[in-house]
Amino acid sequence: MIDHIRQFNGGRTLLMNAGAFFCIVVMMGIANLVCRFVLQTDMSYLVPWLISALGVYFFVPSLILWIATGSPSGHDKVPETDPL
């Protein structure tokens, strides 16, 4: 089960998930403005549902991996290498 969640998360860390979430929310806001002012269509009723789905997509797998493995990306800590 954890391997499937690890594959679904794609090795992203919590910070990468937050950055991707922020970028997609900004793009959705721009798309909503285009729909409202260019296409004369009100799509604002969909935005809260889409943001909720994005939050689940980006943060729930990381949370499950963090609880199960101790790392939000689901990978073990990389051992430090000895610099020459």
PDB file of N, CA and C in Angstrom:
ATOM      1  N   MET A   1       0.820  -1.188   0.000  1.00  0.00           N
ATOM      2  CA  MET A   1       0.000   0.000   0.000  1.00  0.00           C
ATOM      3  C   MET A   1       0.869   1.259   0.000  1.00  0.00           C
ATOM      4  N   ILE A   2       1.901   1.256   0.815  1.00  0.00           N
ATOM      5  CA  ILE A   2       2.785   2.423   0.897  1.00  0.00           C
ATOM      6  C   ILE A   2       3.506   2.634  -0.426  1.00  0.00           C
ATOM      7  N   ASP A   3       3.858   1.562  -1.121  1.00  0.00           N
ATOM      8  CA  ASP A   3       4.527   1.712  -2.420  1.00  0.00           C
ATOM      9  C   ASP A   3       3.615   2.393  -3.439  1.00  0.00           C
ATOM     10  N   HIS A   4       2.331   2.091  -3.413  1.00  0.00           N
ATOM     11  CA  HIS A   4       1.391   2.744  -4.328  1.00  0.00           C
ATOM     12  C   HIS A   4       1.255   4.227  -4.007  1.00  0.00           C
ATOM     13  N   ILE A   5       1.207   4.555  -2.731  1.00  0.00           N
ATOM     14  CA  ILE A   5       1.119   5.962  -2.337  1.00  0.00           C
ATOM     15  C   ILE A   5       2.415   6.686  -2.699  1.00  0.00           C
ATOM     16  N   ARG A   6       3.551   5.992  -2.538  1.00  0.00           N
ATOM     17  CA  ARG A   6       4.848   6.569  -2.924  1.00  0.00           C
ATOM     18  C   ARG A   6       4.876   6.870  -4.425  1.00  0.00           C
ATOM     19  N   GLN A   7       4.365   5.954  -5.238  1.00  0.00           N
ATOM     20  CA  GLN A   7       4.306   6.180  -6.685  1.00  0.00           C
ATOM     21  C   GLN A   7       3.345   7.311  -7.019  1.00  0.00           C
ATOM     22  N   PHE A   8       2.233   7.385  -6.334  1.00  0.00           N
ATOM     23  CA  PHE A   8       1.261   8.446  -6.564  1.00  0.00           C
ATOM     24  C   PHE A   8       1.841   9.811  -6.211  1.00  0.00           C
ATOM     25  N   ASN A   9       2.628   9.858  -5.139  1.00  0.00           N
ATOM     26  CA  ASN A   9       3.255  11.109  -4.714  1.00  0.00           C
ATOM     27  C   ASN A   9       4.405  11.488  -5.640  1.00  0.00           C
ATOM     28  N   GLY A  10       5.016  10.533  -6.285  1.00  0.00           N
ATOM     29  CA  GLY A  10       6.074  10.817  -7.252  1.00  0.00           C
ATOM     30  C   GLY A  10       7.375  11.290  -6.649  1.00  0.00           C
ATOM     31  N   GLY A  11       7.623  11.026  -5.385  1.00  0.00           N
ATOM     32  CA  GLY A  11       8.870  11.431  -4.759  1.00  0.00           C
ATOM     33  C   GLY A  11       8.929  12.909  -4.413  1.00  0.00           C
ATOM     34  N   ARG A  12       7.792  13.611  -4.472  1.00  0.00           N
ATOM     35  CA  ARG A  12       7.782  15.038  -4.160  1.00  0.00           C
ATOM     36  C   ARG A  12       7.841  15.250  -2.652  1.00  0.00           C
ATOM     37  N   THR A  13       8.589  16.271  -2.249  1.00  0.00           N
ATOM     38  CA  THR A  13       8.622  16.636  -0.840  1.00  0.00           C
ATOM     39  C   THR A  13       7.431  17.519  -0.523  1.00  0.00           C
ATOM     40  N   LEU A  14       7.266  17.838   0.737  1.00  0.00           N
ATOM     41  CA  LEU A  14       6.148  18.676   1.151  1.00  0.00           C
ATOM     42  C   LEU A  14       6.273  20.083   0.558  1.00  0.00           C
ATOM     43  N   LEU A  15       7.481  20.607   0.475  1.00  0.00           N
ATOM     44  CA  LEU A  15       7.686  21.928  -0.109  1.00  0.00           C
ATOM     45  C   LEU A  15       7.384  21.939  -1.608  1.00  0.00           C
ATOM     46  N   MET A  16       7.753  20.876  -2.305  1.00  0.00           N
ATOM     47  CA  MET A  16       7.425  20.772  -3.736  1.00  0.00           C
ATOM     48  C   MET A  16       5.917  20.690  -3.938  1.00  0.00           C
ATOM     49  N   ASN A  17       5.232  19.947  -3.086  1.00  0.00           N
ATOM     50  CA  ASN A  17       3.776  19.854  -3.179  1.00  0.00           C
ATOM     51  C   ASN A  17       3.131  21.215  -2.927  1.00  0.00           C
ATOM     52  N   ALA A  18       3.637  21.953  -1.933  1.00  0.00           N
ATOM     53  CA  ALA A  18       3.079  23.274  -1.638  1.00  0.00           C
ATOM     54  C   ALA A  18       3.315  24.234  -2.803  1.00  0.00           C
ATOM     55  N   GLY A  19       4.494  24.181  -3.413  1.00  0.00           N
ATOM     56  CA  GLY A  19       4.785  25.038  -4.563  1.00  0.00           C
ATOM     57  C   GLY A  19       3.907  24.721  -5.756  1.00  0.00           C
ATOM     58  N   ALA A  20       3.723  23.448  -6.040  1.00  0.00           N
ATOM     59  CA  ALA A  20       2.864  23.048  -7.157  1.00  0.00           C
ATOM     60  C   ALA A  20       1.413  23.433  -6.880  1.00  0.00           C
ATOM     61  N   PHE A  21       0.972  23.264  -5.647  1.00  0.00           N
ATOM     62  CA  PHE A  21      -0.382  23.655  -5.264  1.00  0.00           C
ATOM     63  C   PHE A  21      -0.578  25.154  -5.478  1.00  0.00           C
ATOM     64  N   PHE A  22       0.382  25.962  -5.041  1.00  0.00           N
ATOM     65  CA  PHE A  22       0.292  27.410  -5.207  1.00  0.00           C
ATOM     66  C   PHE A  22       0.249  27.799  -6.684  1.00  0.00           C
ATOM     67  N   CYS A  23       1.110  27.201  -7.493  1.00  0.00           N
ATOM     68  CA  CYS A  23       1.132  27.525  -8.929  1.00  0.00           C
ATOM     69  C   CYS A  23      -0.190  27.168  -9.608  1.00  0.00           C
ATOM     70  N   ILE A  24      -0.746  26.035  -9.285  1.00  0.00           N
ATOM     71  CA  ILE A  24      -2.005  25.627  -9.919  1.00  0.00           C
ATOM     72  C   ILE A  24      -3.166  26.490  -9.444  1.00  0.00           C
ATOM     73  N   VAL A  25      -3.149  26.899  -8.170  1.00  0.00           N
ATOM     74  CA  VAL A  25      -4.201  27.798  -7.685  1.00  0.00           C
ATOM     75  C   VAL A  25      -4.133  29.138  -8.407  1.00  0.00           C
ATOM     76  N   VAL A  26      -2.921  29.652  -8.645  1.00  0.00           N
ATOM     77  CA  VAL A  26      -2.765  30.915  -9.388  1.00  0.00           C
ATOM     78  C   VAL A  26      -3.280  30.742 -10.820  1.00  0.00           C
ATOM     79  N   MET A  27      -2.935  29.638 -11.470  1.00  0.00           N
ATOM     80  CA  MET A  27      -3.430  29.394 -12.830  1.00  0.00           C
ATOM     81  C   MET A  27      -4.949  29.260 -12.862  1.00  0.00           C
ATOM     82  N   MET A  28      -5.525  28.632 -11.844  1.00  0.00           N
ATOM     83  CA  MET A  28      -6.984  28.530 -11.790  1.00  0.00           C
ATOM     84  C   MET A  28      -7.620  29.899 -11.594  1.00  0.00           C
ATOM     85  N   GLY A  29      -6.988  30.754 -10.817  1.00  0.00           N
ATOM     86  CA  GLY A  29      -7.502  32.106 -10.643  1.00  0.00           C
ATOM     87  C   GLY A  29      -7.471  32.892 -11.942  1.00  0.00           C
ATOM     88  N   ILE A  30      -6.382  32.765 -12.682  1.00  0.00           N
ATOM     89  CA  ILE A  30      -6.290  33.436 -13.984  1.00  0.00           C
ATOM     90  C   ILE A  30      -7.338  32.878 -14.948  1.00  0.00           C
ATOM     91  N   ALA A  31      -7.517  31.566 -14.943  1.00  0.00           N
ATOM     92  CA  ALA A  31      -8.530  30.962 -15.814  1.00  0.00           C
ATOM     93  C   ALA A  31      -9.930  31.425 -15.424  1.00  0.00           C
ATOM     94  N   ASN A  32     -10.176  31.590 -14.134  1.00  0.00           N
ATOM     95  CA  ASN A  32     -11.475  32.079 -13.688  1.00  0.00           C
ATOM     96  C   ASN A  32     -11.699  33.519 -14.155  1.00  0.00           C
ATOM     97  N   LEU A  33     -10.645  34.347 -14.115  1.00  0.00           N
ATOM     98  CA  LEU A  33     -10.769  35.723 -14.611  1.00  0.00           C
ATOM     99  C   LEU A  33     -11.042  35.753 -16.113  1.00  0.00           C
ATOM    100  N   VAL A  34     -10.368  34.872 -16.856  1.00  0.00           N
ATOM    101  CA  VAL A  34     -10.610  34.802 -18.303  1.00  0.00           C
ATOM    102  C   VAL A  34     -12.044  34.366 -18.572  1.00  0.00           C
ATOM    103  N   CYS A  35     -12.518  33.377 -17.826  1.00  0.00           N
ATOM    104  CA  CYS A  35     -13.906  32.925 -18.018  1.00  0.00           C
ATOM    105  C   CYS A  35     -14.890  34.039 -17.691  1.00  0.00           C
ATOM    106  N   ARG A  36     -14.610  34.787 -16.642  1.00  0.00           N
ATOM    107  CA  ARG A  36     -15.555  35.807 -16.210  1.00  0.00           C
ATOM    108  C   ARG A  36     -15.588  36.998 -17.157  1.00  0.00           C
ATOM    109  N   PHE A  37     -14.405  37.505 -17.567  1.00  0.00           N
ATOM    110  CA  PHE A  37     -14.375  38.755 -18.315  1.00  0.00           C
ATOM    111  C   PHE A  37     -14.281  38.582 -19.830  1.00  0.00           C
ATOM    112  N   VAL A  38     -13.717  37.487 -20.289  1.00  0.00           N
ATOM    113  CA  VAL A  38     -13.598  37.277 -21.739  1.00  0.00           C
ATOM    114  C   VAL A  38     -14.756  36.435 -22.255  1.00  0.00           C
ATOM    115  N   LEU A  39     -15.032  35.335 -21.600  1.00  0.00           N
ATOM    116  CA  LEU A  39     -16.077  34.435 -22.064  1.00  0.00           C
ATOM    117  C   LEU A  39     -17.447  34.758 -21.484  1.00  0.00           C
ATOM    118  N   GLN A  40     -17.496  35.700 -20.532  1.00  0.00           N
ATOM    119  CA  GLN A  40     -18.759  36.098 -19.892  1.00  0.00           C
ATOM    120  C   GLN A  40     -19.478  34.907 -19.253  1.00  0.00           C
ATOM    121  N   THR A  41     -18.698  34.037 -18.615  1.00  0.00           N
ATOM    122  CA  THR A  41     -19.234  32.854 -17.957  1.00  0.00           C
ATOM    123  C   THR A  41     -18.777  32.853 -16.504  1.00  0.00           C
ATOM    124  N   ASP A  42     -19.690  32.621 -15.587  1.00  0.00           N
ATOM    125  CA  ASP A  42     -19.335  32.596 -14.174  1.00  0.00           C
ATOM    126  C   ASP A  42     -19.033  31.158 -13.754  1.00  0.00           C
ATOM    127  N   MET A  43     -17.773  30.881 -13.493  1.00  0.00           N
ATOM    128  CA  MET A  43     -17.348  29.549 -13.063  1.00  0.00           C
ATOM    129  C   MET A  43     -16.904  29.545 -11.600  1.00  0.00           C
ATOM    130  N   SER A  44     -17.215  30.615 -10.874  1.00  0.00           N
ATOM    131  CA  SER A  44     -16.710  30.742  -9.509  1.00  0.00           C
ATOM    132  C   SER A  44     -17.309  29.696  -8.562  1.00  0.00           C
ATOM    133  N   TYR A  45     -18.432  29.099  -8.914  1.00  0.00           N
ATOM    134  CA  TYR A  45     -18.997  28.060  -8.057  1.00  0.00           C
ATOM    135  C   TYR A  45     -18.149  26.792  -8.073  1.00  0.00           C
ATOM    136  N   LEU A  46     -17.333  26.595  -9.108  1.00  0.00           N
ATOM    137  CA  LEU A  46     -16.478  25.412  -9.194  1.00  0.00           C
ATOM    138  C   LEU A  46     -15.150  25.566  -8.458  1.00  0.00           C
ATOM    139  N   VAL A  47     -14.692  26.790  -8.273  1.00  0.00           N
ATOM    140  CA  VAL A  47     -13.349  27.027  -7.739  1.00  0.00           C
ATOM    141  C   VAL A  47     -13.143  26.416  -6.348  1.00  0.00           C
ATOM    142  N   PRO A  48     -14.051  26.578  -5.387  1.00  0.00           N
ATOM    143  CA  PRO A  48     -13.802  25.935  -4.082  1.00  0.00           C
ATOM    144  C   PRO A  48     -13.695  24.413  -4.164  1.00  0.00           C
ATOM    145  N   TRP A  49     -14.489  23.793  -5.022  1.00  0.00           N
ATOM    146  CA  TRP A  49     -14.411  22.336  -5.187  1.00  0.00           C
ATOM    147  C   TRP A  49     -13.072  21.923  -5.798  1.00  0.00           C
ATOM    148  N   LEU A  50     -12.624  22.676  -6.785  1.00  0.00           N
ATOM    149  CA  LEU A  50     -11.353  22.351  -7.436  1.00  0.00           C
ATOM    150  C   LEU A  50     -10.174  22.570  -6.503  1.00  0.00           C
ATOM    151  N   ILE A  51     -10.204  23.624  -5.703  1.00  0.00           N
ATOM    152  CA  ILE A  51      -9.124  23.867  -4.751  1.00  0.00           C
ATOM    153  C   ILE A  51      -9.105  22.776  -3.680  1.00  0.00           C
ATOM    154  N   SER A  52     -10.273  22.333  -3.254  1.00  0.00           N
ATOM    155  CA  SER A  52     -10.336  21.232  -2.282  1.00  0.00           C
ATOM    156  C   SER A  52      -9.756  19.950  -2.870  1.00  0.00           C
ATOM    157  N   ALA A  53     -10.103  19.661  -4.111  1.00  0.00           N
ATOM    158  CA  ALA A  53      -9.568  18.459  -4.768  1.00  0.00           C
ATOM    159  C   ALA A  53      -8.058  18.560  -4.927  1.00  0.00           C
ATOM    160  N   LEU A  54      -7.551  19.750  -5.257  1.00  0.00           N
ATOM    161  CA  LEU A  54      -6.104  19.932  -5.363  1.00  0.00           C
ATOM    162  C   LEU A  54      -5.420  19.715  -4.022  1.00  0.00           C
ATOM    163  N   GLY A  55      -6.018  20.236  -2.967  1.00  0.00           N
ATOM    164  CA  GLY A  55      -5.441  20.035  -1.635  1.00  0.00           C
ATOM    165  C   GLY A  55      -5.353  18.571  -1.266  1.00  0.00           C
ATOM    166  N   VAL A  56      -6.408  17.833  -1.581  1.00  0.00           N
ATOM    167  CA  VAL A  56      -6.396  16.391  -1.308  1.00  0.00           C
ATOM    168  C   VAL A  56      -5.328  15.702  -2.154  1.00  0.00           C
ATOM    169  N   TYR A  57      -5.242  16.068  -3.435  1.00  0.00           N
ATOM    170  CA  TYR A  57      -4.287  15.431  -4.349  1.00  0.00           C
ATOM    171  C   TYR A  57      -2.850  15.673  -3.908  1.00  0.00           C
ATOM    172  N   PHE A  58      -2.542  16.891  -3.484  1.00  0.00           N
ATOM    173  CA  PHE A  58      -1.156  17.213  -3.164  1.00  0.00           C
ATOM    174  C   PHE A  58      -0.766  16.894  -1.725  1.00  0.00           C
ATOM    175  N   PHE A  59      -1.672  17.035  -0.760  1.00  0.00           N
ATOM    176  CA  PHE A  59      -1.239  16.962   0.631  1.00  0.00           C
ATOM    177  C   PHE A  59      -1.616  15.676   1.361  1.00  0.00           C
ATOM    178  N   VAL A  60      -2.655  14.988   0.968  1.00  0.00           N
ATOM    179  CA  VAL A  60      -3.030  13.758   1.671  1.00  0.00           C
ATOM    180  C   VAL A  60      -1.998  12.638   1.466  1.00  0.00           C
ATOM    181  N   PRO A  61      -1.499  12.384   0.231  1.00  0.00           N
ATOM    182  CA  PRO A  61      -0.468  11.342   0.111  1.00  0.00           C
ATOM    183  C   PRO A  61       0.804  11.670   0.896  1.00  0.00           C
ATOM    184  N   SER A  62       1.196  12.948   0.907  1.00  0.00           N
ATOM    185  CA  SER A  62       2.374  13.338   1.686  1.00  0.00           C
ATOM    186  C   SER A  62       2.142  13.129   3.171  1.00  0.00           C
ATOM    187  N   LEU A  63       0.943  13.449   3.640  1.00  0.00           N
ATOM    188  CA  LEU A  63       0.626  13.263   5.054  1.00  0.00           C
ATOM    189  C   LEU A  63       0.639  11.779   5.425  1.00  0.00           C
ATOM    190  N   ILE A  64       0.067  10.952   4.561  1.00  0.00           N
ATOM    191  CA  ILE A  64       0.068   9.504   4.833  1.00  0.00           C
ATOM    192  C   ILE A  64       1.496   8.971   4.857  1.00  0.00           C
ATOM    193  N   LEU A  65       2.323   9.389   3.890  1.00  0.00           N
ATOM    194  CA  LEU A  65       3.715   8.938   3.868  1.00  0.00           C
ATOM    195  C   LEU A  65       4.485   9.457   5.064  1.00  0.00           C
ATOM    196  N   TRP A  66       4.198  10.673   5.487  1.00  0.00           N
ATOM    197  CA  TRP A  66       4.887  11.248   6.630  1.00  0.00           C
ATOM    198  C   TRP A  66       4.560  10.458   7.900  1.00  0.00           C
ATOM    199  N   ILE A  67       3.306  10.077   8.054  1.00  0.00           N
ATOM    200  CA  ILE A  67       2.908   9.302   9.228  1.00  0.00           C
ATOM    201  C   ILE A  67       3.485   7.890   9.159  1.00  0.00           C
ATOM    202  N   ALA A  68       3.462   7.279   7.980  1.00  0.00           N
ATOM    203  CA  ALA A  68       3.877   5.881   7.850  1.00  0.00           C
ATOM    204  C   ALA A  68       5.389   5.706   7.832  1.00  0.00           C
ATOM    205  N   THR A  69       6.118   6.627   7.153  1.00  0.00           N
ATOM    206  CA  THR A  69       7.560   6.424   6.990  1.00  0.00           C
ATOM    207  C   THR A  69       8.423   7.450   7.705  1.00  0.00           C
ATOM    208  N   GLY A  70       7.821   8.548   8.144  1.00  0.00           N
ATOM    209  CA  GLY A  70       8.607   9.584   8.807  1.00  0.00           C
ATOM    210  C   GLY A  70       9.181  10.604   7.850  1.00  0.00           C
ATOM    211  N   SER A  71       8.872  10.486   6.567  1.00  0.00           N
ATOM    212  CA  SER A  71       9.350  11.420   5.560  1.00  0.00           C
ATOM    213  C   SER A  71       8.200  11.753   4.607  1.00  0.00           C
ATOM    214  N   PRO A  72       7.959  13.063   4.327  1.00  0.00           N
ATOM    215  CA  PRO A  72       6.845  13.401   3.441  1.00  0.00           C
ATOM    216  C   PRO A  72       6.997  12.878   2.016  1.00  0.00           C
ATOM    217  N   SER A  73       8.231  12.652   1.576  1.00  0.00           N
ATOM    218  CA  SER A  73       8.406  12.112   0.232  1.00  0.00           C
ATOM    219  C   SER A  73       8.340  10.593   0.223  1.00  0.00           C
ATOM    220  N   GLY A  74       8.400   9.972   1.402  1.00  0.00           N
ATOM    221  CA  GLY A  74       8.309   8.523   1.501  1.00  0.00           C
ATOM    222  C   GLY A  74       9.626   7.810   1.323  1.00  0.00           C
ATOM    223  N   HIS A  75      10.703   8.545   1.115  1.00  0.00           N
ATOM    224  CA  HIS A  75      12.022   7.939   0.952  1.00  0.00           C
ATOM    225  C   HIS A  75      12.792   8.046   2.254  1.00  0.00           C
ATOM    226  N   ASP A  76      13.683   7.088   2.452  1.00  0.00           N
ATOM    227  CA  ASP A  76      14.525   7.138   3.628  1.00  0.00           C
ATOM    228  C   ASP A  76      15.509   8.303   3.496  1.00  0.00           C
ATOM    229  N   LYS A  77      16.008   8.719   4.621  1.00  0.00           N
ATOM    230  CA  LYS A  77      16.992   9.792   4.616  1.00  0.00           C
ATOM    231  C   LYS A  77      18.250   9.329   3.874  1.00  0.00           C
ATOM    232  N   VAL A  78      18.793  10.225   3.054  1.00  0.00           N
ATOM    233  CA  VAL A  78      19.999   9.899   2.310  1.00  0.00           C
ATOM    234  C   VAL A  78      21.185  10.079   3.241  1.00  0.00           C
ATOM    235  N   PRO A  79      22.056   9.060   3.336  1.00  0.00           N
ATOM    236  CA  PRO A  79      23.215   9.217   4.223  1.00  0.00           C
ATOM    237  C   PRO A  79      24.171  10.283   3.679  1.00  0.00           C
ATOM    238  N   GLU A  80      24.764  10.999   4.608  1.00  0.00           N
ATOM    239  CA  GLU A  80      25.698  12.038   4.189  1.00  0.00           C
ATOM    240  C   GLU A  80      26.968  11.403   3.629  1.00  0.00           C
ATOM    241  N   THR A  81      27.465  12.028   2.560  1.00  0.00           N
ATOM    242  CA  THR A  81      28.706  11.524   1.971  1.00  0.00           C
ATOM    243  C   THR A  81      29.875  12.325   2.530  1.00  0.00           C
ATOM    244  N   ASP A  82      30.998  11.723   2.535  1.00  0.00           N
ATOM    245  CA  ASP A  82      32.208  12.377   3.055  1.00  0.00           C
ATOM    246  C   ASP A  82      32.864  13.183   1.950  1.00  0.00           C
ATOM    247  N   PRO A  83      32.833  14.529   2.024  1.00  0.00           N
ATOM    248  CA  PRO A  83      33.464  15.302   0.952  1.00  0.00           C
ATOM    249  C   PRO A  83      34.981  15.178   1.014  1.00  0.00           C
ATOM    250  N   LEU A  84      35.605  15.183  -0.117  1.00  0.00           N
ATOM    251  CA  LEU A  84      37.057  15.055  -0.153  1.00  0.00           C
ATOM    252  C   LEU A  84      37.713  16.391  -0.031  1.00  0.00           C
TER     253      LEU A  84
END
